Full PDB file with SEQRES, HELIX, SHEET, SSBOND, CRYST1, ORIGX, SCALE, CONECT and MASTER records, all heavy atoms in Angstrom:
SEQRES   1 A   40  HIS LYS ASP ALA GLY CYS ARG LEU CYS VAL ASP HIS CYS          
SEQRES   2 A   40  PRO VAL SER ALA ILE ASN LEU SER GLU ARG VAL PRO ILE          
SEQRES   3 A   40  ILE PRO THR ILE ASP PRO GLN ALA CYS ILE ARG CYS GLY          
SEQRES   4 A   40  VAL                                                          
HELIX    1 AA1 LEU A    8  HIS A   12  1                                   5    
SHEET    1 AA1 2 ILE A  18  LEU A  20  0                                        
SHEET    2 AA1 2 PRO A  28  ILE A  30 -1                                        
CRYST1    1.000    1.000    1.000  90.00  90.00  90.00 P 1           1          
ORIGX1      1.000000  0.000000  0.000000        0.00000                         
ORIGX2      0.000000  1.000000  0.000000        0.00000                         
ORIGX3      0.000000  0.000000  1.000000        0.00000                         
SCALE1      1.000000  0.000000  0.000000        0.00000                         
SCALE2      0.000000  1.000000  0.000000        0.00000                         
SCALE3      0.000000  0.000000  1.000000        0.00000                         
ATOM      1  N   HIS A   1      -7.838 -92.555 -16.854  1.00  0.00           N  
ATOM      2  CA  HIS A   1      -9.000 -91.920 -16.265  1.00  0.00           C  
ATOM      3  C   HIS A   1      -8.549 -91.395 -14.951  1.00  0.00           C  
ATOM      4  O   HIS A   1      -7.959 -91.983 -14.096  1.00  0.00           O  
ATOM      5  CB  HIS A   1     -10.079 -93.006 -16.032  1.00  0.00           C  
ATOM      6  CG  HIS A   1     -11.389 -92.328 -15.761  1.00  0.00           C  
ATOM      7  ND1 HIS A   1     -11.797 -91.755 -14.571  1.00  0.00           N  
ATOM      8  CD2 HIS A   1     -12.579 -92.267 -16.479  1.00  0.00           C  
ATOM      9  CE1 HIS A   1     -12.960 -91.336 -14.571  1.00  0.00           C  
ATOM     10  NE2 HIS A   1     -13.514 -91.604 -15.767  1.00  0.00           N  
ATOM     11  N   LYS A   2      -8.926 -90.033 -14.750  1.00  0.00           N  
ATOM     12  CA  LYS A   2      -8.401 -89.368 -13.585  1.00  0.00           C  
ATOM     13  C   LYS A   2      -8.902 -89.883 -12.239  1.00  0.00           C  
ATOM     14  O   LYS A   2      -8.429 -89.540 -11.155  1.00  0.00           O  
ATOM     15  CB  LYS A   2      -8.772 -87.867 -13.751  1.00  0.00           C  
ATOM     16  CG  LYS A   2     -10.288 -87.573 -13.758  1.00  0.00           C  
ATOM     17  CD  LYS A   2     -10.537 -86.064 -13.925  1.00  0.00           C  
ATOM     18  CE  LYS A   2     -12.087 -85.767 -13.946  1.00  0.00           C  
ATOM     19  NZ  LYS A   2     -12.725 -86.098 -12.626  1.00  0.00           N  
ATOM     20  N   ASP A   3     -10.030 -90.580 -12.281  1.00  0.00           N  
ATOM     21  CA  ASP A   3     -10.682 -91.116 -11.110  1.00  0.00           C  
ATOM     22  C   ASP A   3     -10.330 -92.617 -10.984  1.00  0.00           C  
ATOM     23  O   ASP A   3     -11.058 -93.258 -10.195  1.00  0.00           O  
ATOM     24  CB  ASP A   3     -12.146 -90.986 -11.106  1.00  0.00           C  
ATOM     25  CG  ASP A   3     -12.481 -89.462 -10.989  1.00  0.00           C  
ATOM     26  OD1 ASP A   3     -11.774 -88.727 -10.317  1.00  0.00           O  
ATOM     27  OD2 ASP A   3     -13.424 -89.054 -11.570  1.00  0.00           O  
ATOM     28  N   ALA A   4      -9.400 -93.146 -11.588  1.00  0.00           N  
ATOM     29  CA  ALA A   4      -8.961 -94.666 -11.516  1.00  0.00           C  
ATOM     30  C   ALA A   4      -8.640 -94.874 -10.158  1.00  0.00           C  
ATOM     31  O   ALA A   4      -8.933 -96.012  -9.626  1.00  0.00           O  
ATOM     32  CB  ALA A   4      -8.028 -94.946 -12.563  1.00  0.00           C  
ATOM     33  N   GLY A   5      -7.792 -94.127  -9.526  1.00  0.00           N  
ATOM     34  CA  GLY A   5      -7.376 -94.311  -8.128  1.00  0.00           C  
ATOM     35  C   GLY A   5      -6.423 -95.417  -7.861  1.00  0.00           C  
ATOM     36  O   GLY A   5      -6.290 -95.838  -6.735  1.00  0.00           O  
ATOM     37  N   CYS A   6      -5.714 -95.948  -8.849  1.00  0.00           N  
ATOM     38  CA  CYS A   6      -4.860 -97.007  -8.691  1.00  0.00           C  
ATOM     39  C   CYS A   6      -3.567 -96.490  -8.002  1.00  0.00           C  
ATOM     40  O   CYS A   6      -2.882 -95.466  -8.383  1.00  0.00           O  
ATOM     41  CB  CYS A   6      -4.362 -97.598 -10.027  1.00  0.00           C  
ATOM     42  SG  CYS A   6      -3.314 -99.069  -9.824  1.00  0.00           S  
ATOM     43  N   ARG A   7      -3.160 -97.281  -6.921  1.00  0.00           N  
ATOM     44  CA  ARG A   7      -1.949 -96.882  -6.165  1.00  0.00           C  
ATOM     45  C   ARG A   7      -1.107 -98.058  -5.788  1.00  0.00           C  
ATOM     46  O   ARG A   7      -0.334 -98.126  -4.920  1.00  0.00           O  
ATOM     47  CB  ARG A   7      -2.365 -96.125  -4.828  1.00  0.00           C  
ATOM     48  CG  ARG A   7      -2.879 -94.770  -4.980  1.00  0.00           C  
ATOM     49  CD  ARG A   7      -3.324 -94.192  -3.546  1.00  0.00           C  
ATOM     50  NE  ARG A   7      -2.280 -94.388  -2.637  1.00  0.00           N  
ATOM     51  CZ  ARG A   7      -1.273 -93.471  -2.487  1.00  0.00           C  
ATOM     52  NH1 ARG A   7      -1.291 -92.363  -3.162  1.00  0.00           N  
ATOM     53  NH2 ARG A   7      -0.339 -93.629  -1.559  1.00  0.00           N  
ATOM     54  N   LEU A   8      -1.216 -99.102  -6.630  1.00  0.00           N  
ATOM     55  CA  LEU A   8      -0.506-100.343  -6.438  1.00  0.00           C  
ATOM     56  C   LEU A   8       1.027-100.166  -6.285  1.00  0.00           C  
ATOM     57  O   LEU A   8       1.701-100.647  -5.425  1.00  0.00           O  
ATOM     58  CB  LEU A   8      -0.905-101.464  -7.377  1.00  0.00           C  
ATOM     59  CG  LEU A   8      -2.342-101.937  -7.333  1.00  0.00           C  
ATOM     60  CD1 LEU A   8      -2.526-102.915  -8.615  1.00  0.00           C  
ATOM     61  CD2 LEU A   8      -2.495-102.722  -6.051  1.00  0.00           C  
ATOM     62  N   CYS A   9       1.572 -99.395  -7.233  1.00  0.00           N  
ATOM     63  CA  CYS A   9       2.989 -99.203  -7.224  1.00  0.00           C  
ATOM     64  C   CYS A   9       3.412 -98.376  -6.053  1.00  0.00           C  
ATOM     65  O   CYS A   9       4.489 -98.607  -5.404  1.00  0.00           O  
ATOM     66  CB  CYS A   9       3.427 -98.588  -8.546  1.00  0.00           C  
ATOM     67  SG  CYS A   9       2.732 -96.994  -8.930  1.00  0.00           S  
ATOM     68  N   VAL A  10       2.635 -97.364  -5.714  1.00  0.00           N  
ATOM     69  CA  VAL A  10       3.006 -96.495  -4.644  1.00  0.00           C  
ATOM     70  C   VAL A  10       2.933 -97.237  -3.296  1.00  0.00           C  
ATOM     71  O   VAL A  10       3.841 -97.160  -2.438  1.00  0.00           O  
ATOM     72  CB  VAL A  10       2.149 -95.306  -4.553  1.00  0.00           C  
ATOM     73  CG1 VAL A  10       2.321 -94.466  -3.296  1.00  0.00           C  
ATOM     74  CG2 VAL A  10       2.377 -94.398  -5.811  1.00  0.00           C  
ATOM     75  N   ASP A  11       1.933 -97.982  -3.106  1.00  0.00           N  
ATOM     76  CA  ASP A  11       1.611 -98.674  -1.853  1.00  0.00           C  
ATOM     77  C   ASP A  11       2.580 -99.848  -1.614  1.00  0.00           C  
ATOM     78  O   ASP A  11       2.902-100.330  -0.390  1.00  0.00           O  
ATOM     79  CB  ASP A  11       0.271 -99.203  -1.792  1.00  0.00           C  
ATOM     80  CG  ASP A  11      -0.808 -97.975  -1.606  1.00  0.00           C  
ATOM     81  OD1 ASP A  11      -0.393 -96.916  -1.237  1.00  0.00           O  
ATOM     82  OD2 ASP A  11      -1.996 -98.201  -2.024  1.00  0.00           O  
ATOM     83  N   HIS A  12       3.134-100.464  -2.651  1.00  0.00           N  
ATOM     84  CA  HIS A  12       3.933-101.648  -2.503  1.00  0.00           C  
ATOM     85  C   HIS A  12       5.415-101.376  -2.602  1.00  0.00           C  
ATOM     86  O   HIS A  12       6.151-102.226  -2.280  1.00  0.00           O  
ATOM     87  CB  HIS A  12       3.548-102.752  -3.554  1.00  0.00           C  
ATOM     88  CG  HIS A  12       2.256-103.401  -3.305  1.00  0.00           C  
ATOM     89  ND1 HIS A  12       1.150-102.903  -3.828  1.00  0.00           N  
ATOM     90  CD2 HIS A  12       1.960-104.469  -2.546  1.00  0.00           C  
ATOM     91  CE1 HIS A  12       0.173-103.774  -3.433  1.00  0.00           C  
ATOM     92  NE2 HIS A  12       0.658-104.749  -2.710  1.00  0.00           N  
ATOM     93  N   CYS A  13       5.821-100.155  -2.915  1.00  0.00           N  
ATOM     94  CA  CYS A  13       7.190 -99.903  -3.025  1.00  0.00           C  
ATOM     95  C   CYS A  13       7.772 -99.789  -1.533  1.00  0.00           C  
ATOM     96  O   CYS A  13       7.297 -99.055  -0.668  1.00  0.00           O  
ATOM     97  CB  CYS A  13       7.497 -98.547  -3.656  1.00  0.00           C  
ATOM     98  SG  CYS A  13       9.232 -98.078  -3.754  1.00  0.00           S  
ATOM     99  N   PRO A  14       8.827-100.677  -1.298  1.00  0.00           N  
ATOM    100  CA  PRO A  14       9.271-100.847   0.083  1.00  0.00           C  
ATOM    101  C   PRO A  14      10.010 -99.499   0.647  1.00  0.00           C  
ATOM    102  O   PRO A  14      10.210 -99.402   1.924  1.00  0.00           O  
ATOM    103  CB  PRO A  14      10.128-102.013   0.122  1.00  0.00           C  
ATOM    104  CG  PRO A  14      10.698-102.103  -1.272  1.00  0.00           C  
ATOM    105  CD  PRO A  14       9.544-101.524  -2.124  1.00  0.00           C  
ATOM    106  N   VAL A  15      10.430 -98.667  -0.281  1.00  0.00           N  
ATOM    107  CA  VAL A  15      11.239 -97.450   0.187  1.00  0.00           C  
ATOM    108  C   VAL A  15      10.538 -96.184  -0.253  1.00  0.00           C  
ATOM    109  O   VAL A  15      11.224 -95.154  -0.226  1.00  0.00           O  
ATOM    110  CB  VAL A  15      12.650 -97.596  -0.411  1.00  0.00           C  
ATOM    111  CG1 VAL A  15      13.383 -98.716   0.217  1.00  0.00           C  
ATOM    112  CG2 VAL A  15      12.630 -97.724  -1.907  1.00  0.00           C  
ATOM    113  N   SER A  16       9.211 -96.177  -0.621  1.00  0.00           N  
ATOM    114  CA  SER A  16       8.452 -95.127  -1.028  1.00  0.00           C  
ATOM    115  C   SER A  16       9.268 -94.233  -2.092  1.00  0.00           C  
ATOM    116  O   SER A  16       9.274 -92.959  -2.031  1.00  0.00           O  
ATOM    117  CB  SER A  16       8.264 -94.107   0.247  1.00  0.00           C  
ATOM    118  OG  SER A  16       7.517 -94.901   1.204  1.00  0.00           O  
ATOM    119  N   ALA A  17       9.693 -94.902  -3.117  1.00  0.00           N  
ATOM    120  CA  ALA A  17      10.452 -94.254  -4.231  1.00  0.00           C  
ATOM    121  C   ALA A  17       9.483 -93.799  -5.412  1.00  0.00           C  
ATOM    122  O   ALA A  17      10.062 -93.237  -6.297  1.00  0.00           O  
ATOM    123  CB  ALA A  17      11.519 -95.138  -4.689  1.00  0.00           C  
ATOM    124  N   ILE A  18       8.288 -94.256  -5.346  1.00  0.00           N  
ATOM    125  CA  ILE A  18       7.337 -93.868  -6.378  1.00  0.00           C  
ATOM    126  C   ILE A  18       6.281 -92.897  -5.896  1.00  0.00           C  
ATOM    127  O   ILE A  18       5.768 -93.058  -4.823  1.00  0.00           O  
ATOM    128  CB  ILE A  18       6.619 -95.225  -6.974  1.00  0.00           C  
ATOM    129  CG1 ILE A  18       7.695 -96.258  -7.437  1.00  0.00           C  
ATOM    130  CG2 ILE A  18       5.707 -94.913  -8.106  1.00  0.00           C  
ATOM    131  CD1 ILE A  18       7.100 -97.531  -7.833  1.00  0.00           C  
ATOM    132  N   ASN A  19       6.101 -91.976  -6.678  1.00  0.00           N  
ATOM    133  CA  ASN A  19       5.091 -90.866  -6.388  1.00  0.00           C  
ATOM    134  C   ASN A  19       4.149 -90.681  -7.569  1.00  0.00           C  
ATOM    135  O   ASN A  19       4.447 -90.867  -8.716  1.00  0.00           O  
ATOM    136  CB  ASN A  19       5.768 -89.606  -6.062  1.00  0.00           C  
ATOM    137  CG  ASN A  19       6.622 -89.716  -4.808  1.00  0.00           C  
ATOM    138  OD1 ASN A  19       6.146 -89.821  -3.679  1.00  0.00           O  
ATOM    139  ND2 ASN A  19       7.937 -89.738  -5.034  1.00  0.00           N  
ATOM    140  N   LEU A  20       2.923 -90.206  -7.244  1.00  0.00           N  
ATOM    141  CA  LEU A  20       1.980 -89.845  -8.222  1.00  0.00           C  
ATOM    142  C   LEU A  20       1.783 -88.445  -8.306  1.00  0.00           C  
ATOM    143  O   LEU A  20       1.689 -87.751  -7.238  1.00  0.00           O  
ATOM    144  CB  LEU A  20       0.552 -90.515  -8.036  1.00  0.00           C  
ATOM    145  CG  LEU A  20       0.507 -91.985  -8.086  1.00  0.00           C  
ATOM    146  CD1 LEU A  20      -0.832 -92.506  -7.712  1.00  0.00           C  
ATOM    147  CD2 LEU A  20       0.869 -92.585  -9.465  1.00  0.00           C  
ATOM    148  N   SER A  21       1.900 -87.797  -9.459  1.00  0.00           N  
ATOM    149  CA  SER A  21       1.706 -86.308  -9.520  1.00  0.00           C  
ATOM    150  C   SER A  21       0.380 -85.879  -9.035  1.00  0.00           C  
ATOM    151  O   SER A  21      -0.641 -86.565  -9.118  1.00  0.00           O  
ATOM    152  CB  SER A  21       1.927 -85.851 -11.004  1.00  0.00           C  
ATOM    153  OG  SER A  21       0.861 -86.449 -11.823  1.00  0.00           O  
ATOM    154  N   GLU A  22       0.468 -84.678  -8.486  1.00  0.00           N  
ATOM    155  CA  GLU A  22      -0.864 -84.140  -7.845  1.00  0.00           C  
ATOM    156  C   GLU A  22      -1.821 -83.537  -9.006  1.00  0.00           C  
ATOM    157  O   GLU A  22      -3.037 -83.234  -8.637  1.00  0.00           O  
ATOM    158  CB  GLU A  22      -0.565 -83.096  -6.832  1.00  0.00           C  
ATOM    159  CG  GLU A  22       0.183 -83.683  -5.583  1.00  0.00           C  
ATOM    160  CD  GLU A  22       0.482 -82.695  -4.474  1.00  0.00           C  
ATOM    161  OE1 GLU A  22       0.212 -81.479  -4.646  1.00  0.00           O  
ATOM    162  OE2 GLU A  22       1.146 -83.070  -3.480  1.00  0.00           O  
ATOM    163  N   ARG A  23      -1.266 -83.173 -10.027  1.00  0.00           N  
ATOM    164  CA  ARG A  23      -2.071 -82.521 -11.147  1.00  0.00           C  
ATOM    165  C   ARG A  23      -2.396 -83.545 -12.240  1.00  0.00           C  
ATOM    166  O   ARG A  23      -1.755 -84.606 -12.406  1.00  0.00           O  
ATOM    167  CB  ARG A  23      -1.271 -81.472 -11.731  1.00  0.00           C  
ATOM    168  CG  ARG A  23      -1.050 -80.257 -10.779  1.00  0.00           C  
ATOM    169  CD  ARG A  23      -0.311 -79.143 -11.471  1.00  0.00           C  
ATOM    170  NE  ARG A  23       0.013 -77.985 -10.620  1.00  0.00           N  
ATOM    171  CZ  ARG A  23       0.579 -76.856 -11.007  1.00  0.00           C  
ATOM    172  NH1 ARG A  23       0.959 -76.785 -12.192  1.00  0.00           N  
ATOM    173  NH2 ARG A  23       0.728 -75.919 -10.073  1.00  0.00           N  
ATOM    174  N   VAL A  24      -3.501 -83.401 -12.896  1.00  0.00           N  
ATOM    175  CA  VAL A  24      -3.984 -84.125 -13.980  1.00  0.00           C  
ATOM    176  C   VAL A  24      -3.146 -83.791 -15.243  1.00  0.00           C  
ATOM    177  O   VAL A  24      -2.888 -82.635 -15.528  1.00  0.00           O  
ATOM    178  CB  VAL A  24      -5.393 -83.968 -14.321  1.00  0.00           C  
ATOM    179  CG1 VAL A  24      -5.878 -84.734 -15.474  1.00  0.00           C  
ATOM    180  CG2 VAL A  24      -6.295 -84.337 -13.028  1.00  0.00           C  
ATOM    181  N   PRO A  25      -2.639 -84.784 -16.013  1.00  0.00           N  
ATOM    182  CA  PRO A  25      -2.729 -86.169 -15.787  1.00  0.00           C  
ATOM    183  C   PRO A  25      -1.908 -86.610 -14.661  1.00  0.00           C  
ATOM    184  O   PRO A  25      -0.786 -86.172 -14.393  1.00  0.00           O  
ATOM    185  CB  PRO A  25      -2.309 -86.873 -17.090  1.00  0.00           C  
ATOM    186  CG  PRO A  25      -1.182 -85.814 -17.562  1.00  0.00           C  
ATOM    187  CD  PRO A  25      -1.746 -84.482 -17.216  1.00  0.00           C  
ATOM    188  N   ILE A  26      -2.381 -87.582 -13.893  1.00  0.00           N  
ATOM    189  CA  ILE A  26      -1.669 -88.199 -12.708  1.00  0.00           C  
ATOM    190  C   ILE A  26      -0.551 -89.196 -13.202  1.00  0.00           C  
ATOM    191  O   ILE A  26      -0.922 -90.300 -13.700  1.00  0.00           O  
ATOM    192  CB  ILE A  26      -2.653 -88.888 -11.733  1.00  0.00           C  
ATOM    193  CG1 ILE A  26      -3.759 -87.927 -11.247  1.00  0.00           C  
ATOM    194  CG2 ILE A  26      -1.902 -89.498 -10.624  1.00  0.00           C  
ATOM    195  CD1 ILE A  26      -4.824 -88.532 -10.539  1.00  0.00           C  
ATOM    196  N   ILE A  27       0.707 -88.802 -13.154  1.00  0.00           N  
ATOM    197  CA  ILE A  27       1.700 -89.581 -13.756  1.00  0.00           C  
ATOM    198  C   ILE A  27       2.590 -90.217 -12.624  1.00  0.00           C  
ATOM    199  O   ILE A  27       3.035 -89.459 -11.696  1.00  0.00           O  
ATOM    200  CB  ILE A  27       2.585 -88.739 -14.676  1.00  0.00           C  
ATOM    201  CG1 ILE A  27       1.791 -88.146 -15.750  1.00  0.00           C  
ATOM    202  CG2 ILE A  27       3.771 -89.530 -15.151  1.00  0.00           C  
ATOM    203  CD1 ILE A  27       2.539 -87.101 -16.682  1.00  0.00           C  
ATOM    204  N   PRO A  28       2.891 -91.530 -12.699  1.00  0.00           N  
ATOM    205  CA  PRO A  28       3.810 -92.152 -11.831  1.00  0.00           C  
ATOM    206  C   PRO A  28       5.328 -91.816 -12.089  1.00  0.00           C  
ATOM    207  O   PRO A  28       5.690 -91.917 -13.207  1.00  0.00           O  
ATOM    208  CB  PRO A  28       3.517 -93.595 -11.820  1.00  0.00           C  
ATOM    209  CG  PRO A  28       3.130 -93.748 -13.263  1.00  0.00           C  
ATOM    210  CD  PRO A  28       2.352 -92.447 -13.613  1.00  0.00           C  
ATOM    211  N   THR A  29       6.017 -91.405 -11.098  1.00  0.00           N  
ATOM    212  CA  THR A  29       7.501 -91.197 -11.229  1.00  0.00           C  
ATOM    213  C   THR A  29       8.320 -91.916 -10.327  1.00  0.00           C  
ATOM    214  O   THR A  29       7.815 -92.055  -9.058  1.00  0.00           O  
ATOM    215  CB  THR A  29       7.784 -89.639 -11.172  1.00  0.00           C  
ATOM    216  OG1 THR A  29       7.313 -89.090  -9.924  1.00  0.00           O  
ATOM    217  CG2 THR A  29       7.089 -88.873 -12.315  1.00  0.00           C  
ATOM    218  N   ILE A  30       9.538 -92.233 -10.543  1.00  0.00           N  
ATOM    219  CA  ILE A  30      10.398 -92.930  -9.684  1.00  0.00           C  
ATOM    220  C   ILE A  30      11.561 -92.043  -9.289  1.00  0.00           C  
ATOM    221  O   ILE A  30      12.203 -91.403 -10.137  1.00  0.00           O  
ATOM    222  CB  ILE A  30      10.903 -94.186 -10.315  1.00  0.00           C  
ATOM    223  CG1 ILE A  30       9.858 -95.188 -10.665  1.00  0.00           C  
ATOM    224  CG2 ILE A  30      11.995 -94.846  -9.355  1.00  0.00           C  
ATOM    225  CD1 ILE A  30      10.357 -96.437 -11.389  1.00  0.00           C  
ATOM    226  N   ASP A  31      11.777 -91.942  -8.001  1.00  0.00           N  
ATOM    227  CA  ASP A  31      12.958 -91.134  -7.456  1.00  0.00           C  
ATOM    228  C   ASP A  31      14.192 -91.944  -7.730  1.00  0.00           C  
ATOM    229  O   ASP A  31      14.355 -92.908  -6.926  1.00  0.00           O  
ATOM    230  CB  ASP A  31      12.833 -90.753  -6.046  1.00  0.00           C  
ATOM    231  CG  ASP A  31      13.855 -89.909  -5.494  1.00  0.00           C  
ATOM    232  OD1 ASP A  31      14.969 -89.795  -6.099  1.00  0.00           O  
ATOM    233  OD2 ASP A  31      13.702 -89.314  -4.441  1.00  0.00           O  
ATOM    234  N   PRO A  32      15.098 -91.655  -8.670  1.00  0.00           N  
ATOM    235  CA  PRO A  32      16.321 -92.536  -8.780  1.00  0.00           C  
ATOM    236  C   PRO A  32      17.199 -92.622  -7.598  1.00  0.00           C  
ATOM    237  O   PRO A  32      17.897 -93.657  -7.476  1.00  0.00           O  
ATOM    238  CB  PRO A  32      17.037 -91.911 -10.039  1.00  0.00           C  
ATOM    239  CG  PRO A  32      16.549 -90.420  -9.925  1.00  0.00           C  
ATOM    240  CD  PRO A  32      15.163 -90.466  -9.408  1.00  0.00           C  
ATOM    241  N   GLN A  33      17.217 -91.652  -6.792  1.00  0.00           N  
ATOM    242  CA  GLN A  33      18.100 -91.691  -5.511  1.00  0.00           C  
ATOM    243  C   GLN A  33      17.414 -92.654  -4.482  1.00  0.00           C  
ATOM    244  O   GLN A  33      18.129 -93.329  -3.796  1.00  0.00           O  
ATOM    245  CB  GLN A  33      18.334 -90.345  -4.911  1.00  0.00           C  
ATOM    246  CG  GLN A  33      18.943 -89.348  -6.026  1.00  0.00           C  
ATOM    247  CD  GLN A  33      20.310 -89.818  -6.441  1.00  0.00           C  
ATOM    248  OE1 GLN A  33      21.025 -90.446  -5.675  1.00  0.00           O  
ATOM    249  NE2 GLN A  33      20.619 -89.636  -7.683  1.00  0.00           N  
ATOM    250  N   ALA A  34      16.103 -92.670  -4.435  1.00  0.00           N  
ATOM    251  CA  ALA A  34      15.486 -93.448  -3.386  1.00  0.00           C  
ATOM    252  C   ALA A  34      15.209 -94.939  -3.863  1.00  0.00           C  
ATOM    253  O   ALA A  34      15.224 -95.898  -3.088  1.00  0.00           O  
ATOM    254  CB  ALA A  34      14.123 -92.890  -3.046  1.00  0.00           C  
ATOM    255  N   CYS A  35      15.125 -95.137  -5.147  1.00  0.00           N  
ATOM    256  CA  CYS A  35      14.921 -96.454  -5.720  1.00  0.00           C  
ATOM    257  C   CYS A  35      16.026 -97.387  -5.360  1.00  0.00           C  
ATOM    258  O   CYS A  35      17.135 -97.127  -5.475  1.00  0.00           O  
ATOM    259  CB  CYS A  35      14.642 -96.446  -7.188  1.00  0.00           C  
ATOM    260  SG  CYS A  35      14.328 -98.000  -7.985  1.00  0.00           S  
ATOM    261  N   ILE A  36      15.704 -98.609  -4.928  1.00  0.00           N  
ATOM    262  CA  ILE A  36      16.807 -99.622  -4.617  1.00  0.00           C  
ATOM    263  C   ILE A  36      16.796-100.741  -5.665  1.00  0.00           C  
ATOM    264  O   ILE A  36      17.563-101.612  -5.506  1.00  0.00           O  
ATOM    265  CB  ILE A  36      16.543-100.308  -3.229  1.00  0.00           C  
ATOM    266  CG1 ILE A  36      15.119-100.865  -3.130  1.00  0.00           C  
ATOM    267  CG2 ILE A  36      16.722 -99.236  -2.117  1.00  0.00           C  
ATOM    268  CD1 ILE A  36      14.880-101.625  -1.882  1.00  0.00           C  
ATOM    269  N   ARG A  37      16.028-100.577  -6.691  1.00  0.00           N  
ATOM    270  CA  ARG A  37      16.010-101.508  -7.864  1.00  0.00           C  
ATOM    271  C   ARG A  37      15.589-102.974  -7.433  1.00  0.00           C  
ATOM    272  O   ARG A  37      16.143-103.960  -7.974  1.00  0.00           O  
ATOM    273  CB  ARG A  37      17.362-101.602  -8.478  1.00  0.00           C  
ATOM    274  CG  ARG A  37      17.921-100.386  -9.154  1.00  0.00           C  
ATOM    275  CD  ARG A  37      18.285 -99.295  -8.319  1.00  0.00           C  
ATOM    276  NE  ARG A  37      19.173 -98.413  -8.915  1.00  0.00           N  
ATOM    277  CZ  ARG A  37      19.327 -97.104  -8.497  1.00  0.00           C  
ATOM    278  NH1 ARG A  37      18.485 -96.655  -7.705  1.00  0.00           N  
ATOM    279  NH2 ARG A  37      20.253 -96.322  -9.040  1.00  0.00           N  
ATOM    280  N   CYS A  38      14.640-103.004  -6.534  1.00  0.00           N  
ATOM    281  CA  CYS A  38      14.226-104.374  -6.068  1.00  0.00           C  
ATOM    282  C   CYS A  38      13.356-105.027  -7.068  1.00  0.00           C  
ATOM    283  O   CYS A  38      13.195-106.320  -7.150  1.00  0.00           O  
ATOM    284  CB  CYS A  38      13.508-104.255  -4.739  1.00  0.00           C  
ATOM    285  SG  CYS A  38      11.924-103.389  -4.776  1.00  0.00           S  
ATOM    286  N   GLY A  39      12.657-104.278  -8.006  1.00  0.00           N  
ATOM    287  CA  GLY A  39      11.924-104.877  -9.047  1.00  0.00           C  
ATOM    288  C   GLY A  39      10.462-105.172  -8.699  1.00  0.00           C  
ATOM    289  O   GLY A  39       9.685-105.705  -9.506  1.00  0.00           O  
ATOM    290  N   VAL A  40       9.960-104.795  -7.470  1.00  0.00           N  
ATOM    291  CA  VAL A  40       8.618-105.169  -7.192  1.00  0.00           C  
ATOM    292  C   VAL A  40       7.605-104.430  -7.993  1.00  0.00           C  
ATOM    293  O   VAL A  40       6.551-104.864  -8.343  1.00  0.00           O  
ATOM    294  CB  VAL A  40       8.380-104.870  -5.645  1.00  0.00           C  
ATOM    295  CG1 VAL A  40       6.959-104.861  -5.316  1.00  0.00           C  
ATOM    296  CG2 VAL A  40       9.157-105.886  -4.750  1.00  0.00           C  
TER     297      VAL A  40                                                      
MASTER        0    0    0    1    2    0    0    6  296    1    0    4          
END                                                                             
């Protein structure tokens, strides 16, 4: 649902490696260079 508004992964990533696309569908993506593989 486009208005779900969930940002748990984005807000809890300690290195801001997760982003949500600005267009619908809103898809979470991980930056492999920024990700530190902490598993949170």
